Amino acid sequence: MRFKNKKNTLAALGILFLLAGIIIFLGGQDGSSFIYFGVGTLTATLLYYGIVAGRPQISAFIVGLIILHTGVLLIVKGELIYPSEFGFITFVSGILVLLNSGFSEYMQDRKKKN
């Protein structure tokens, strides 16, 4: 499949599930799972083809920040549910993702263009 075909197919699939969920909901049944799946598919399509496909360094940097802050939350708040070692492992994983994101090279190349 070509790039446009994948994007259009995913968008059509998201719209199909969203409309199916709305129709099921209007019929008096619970169509929330179809609505969630449709909205999730549309959101993922927009995020991937809007940000990730064009700028993978920025998306890897954002994912690294999310993982890092999840680790901090697990260390601080998760002591009752999870052992603190799980938070430290998550925190270190976030640091590794941040260091390997290539964001600094992206910023240097961007400054050189200007």
Protein backbone atom coordinates (compact mmCIF):
# COMPACT_ATOMS: atom_id res chain seq x y z
CA MET A 1 0.00 0.00 0.00
CA ARG A 2 1.10 3.53 -0.68
CA PHE A 3 1.29 6.26 1.95
CA LYS A 4 -2.02 7.90 1.00
CA ASN A 5 -3.84 4.60 0.87
CA LYS A 6 -2.82 3.69 4.42
CA LYS A 7 -3.87 7.05 5.78
CA ASN A 8 -7.20 6.97 3.99
CA THR A 9 -7.84 3.36 4.97
CA LEU A 10 -7.18 4.05 8.65
CA ALA A 11 -9.35 7.18 8.59
CA ALA A 12 -12.17 5.28 6.88
CA LEU A 13 -11.88 2.46 9.41
CA GLY A 14 -12.09 4.95 12.28
CA ILE A 15 -15.12 6.65 10.77
CA LEU A 16 -16.76 3.27 10.15
CA PHE A 17 -16.38 2.20 13.79
CA LEU A 18 -17.47 5.62 15.04
CA LEU A 19 -20.62 5.58 12.91
CA ALA A 20 -21.36 1.97 13.88
CA GLY A 21 -21.08 2.92 17.56
CA ILE A 22 -23.38 5.90 17.11
CA ILE A 23 -25.96 3.80 15.26
CA ILE A 24 -25.84 1.09 17.93
CA PHE A 25 -26.16 3.75 20.65
CA LEU A 26 -29.17 5.34 18.92
CA GLY A 27 -30.73 1.87 18.68
CA GLY A 28 -30.85 1.70 22.47
CA GLN A 29 -27.85 -0.54 23.08
CA ASP A 30 -24.38 0.14 24.41
CA GLY A 31 -22.15 1.14 21.50
CA SER A 32 -19.49 2.85 23.57
CA SER A 33 -16.78 0.34 22.71
CA PHE A 34 -17.25 1.00 18.99
CA ILE A 35 -17.24 4.76 19.62
CA TYR A 36 -14.01 4.52 21.65
CA PHE A 37 -12.40 2.34 18.99
CA GLY A 38 -13.41 4.73 16.22
CA VAL A 39 -12.25 7.85 18.05
CA GLY A 40 -9.01 6.10 19.05
CA THR A 41 -8.31 5.02 15.48
CA LEU A 42 -8.98 8.51 14.13
CA THR A 43 -6.82 10.11 16.84
CA ALA A 44 -3.97 7.66 16.26
CA THR A 45 -4.15 8.26 12.51
CA LEU A 46 -4.02 12.02 12.94
CA LEU A 47 -1.17 11.86 15.44
CA TYR A 48 0.89 9.39 13.44
CA TYR A 49 0.55 10.98 10.04
CA GLY A 50 0.55 14.50 11.47
CA ILE A 51 3.57 14.31 13.78
CA VAL A 52 5.36 10.97 13.80
CA ALA A 53 5.75 10.43 10.06
CA GLY A 54 7.13 13.92 9.49
CA ARG A 55 9.20 14.40 12.65
CA PRO A 56 10.14 11.12 14.35
CA GLN A 57 12.66 12.83 16.66
CA ILE A 58 10.02 15.05 18.22
CA SER A 59 7.63 12.15 18.78
CA ALA A 60 10.39 10.00 20.32
CA PHE A 61 11.29 12.91 22.60
CA ILE A 62 7.66 13.27 23.73
CA VAL A 63 7.33 9.54 24.35
CA GLY A 64 10.56 9.62 26.37
CA LEU A 65 9.23 12.46 28.50
CA ILE A 66 6.00 10.57 29.12
CA ILE A 67 7.89 7.42 30.17
CA LEU A 68 10.24 9.44 32.38
CA HIS A 69 7.41 11.23 34.17
CA THR A 70 5.49 7.97 34.57
CA GLY A 71 8.55 6.60 36.34
CA VAL A 72 8.64 9.64 38.63
CA LEU A 73 4.95 9.18 39.47
CA LEU A 74 5.51 5.48 40.19
CA ILE A 75 8.39 6.33 42.50
CA VAL A 76 6.48 9.03 44.38
CA LYS A 77 2.89 7.77 44.40
CA GLY A 78 3.13 4.09 43.54
CA GLU A 79 4.76 2.85 46.74
CA LEU A 80 1.56 1.24 47.97
CA ILE A 81 0.78 -0.64 44.76
CA TYR A 82 4.11 -1.20 43.00
CA PRO A 83 7.58 -1.63 44.43
CA SER A 84 9.75 1.47 44.00
CA GLU A 85 12.19 -0.51 41.83
CA PHE A 86 9.53 -0.63 39.12
CA GLY A 87 9.42 3.17 39.16
CA PHE A 88 13.22 3.41 38.94
CA ILE A 89 13.28 1.00 35.97
CA THR A 90 10.60 3.06 34.23
CA PHE A 91 12.46 6.29 34.99
CA VAL A 92 15.74 4.94 33.58
CA SER A 93 13.89 3.65 30.50
CA GLY A 94 12.53 7.14 29.94
CA ILE A 95 16.03 8.60 30.17
CA LEU A 96 17.30 6.05 27.63
CA VAL A 97 14.47 6.85 25.21
CA LEU A 98 15.21 10.58 25.60
CA LEU A 99 18.92 10.10 24.97
CA ASN A 100 18.28 7.97 21.88
CA SER A 101 15.55 10.18 20.42
CA GLY A 102 17.91 12.19 18.21
CA PHE A 103 16.20 15.41 19.25
CA SER A 104 19.44 17.31 19.79
CA GLU A 105 20.66 16.45 16.29
CA TYR A 106 17.29 17.53 14.93
CA MET A 107 17.62 20.90 16.70
CA GLN A 108 21.22 21.37 15.46
CA ASP A 109 20.18 20.63 11.87
CA ARG A 110 17.26 23.00 12.22
CA LYS A 111 19.55 25.81 13.45
CA LYS A 112 21.94 25.20 10.55
CA LYS A 113 19.09 25.61 8.05
CA ASN A 114 18.17 29.01 9.49
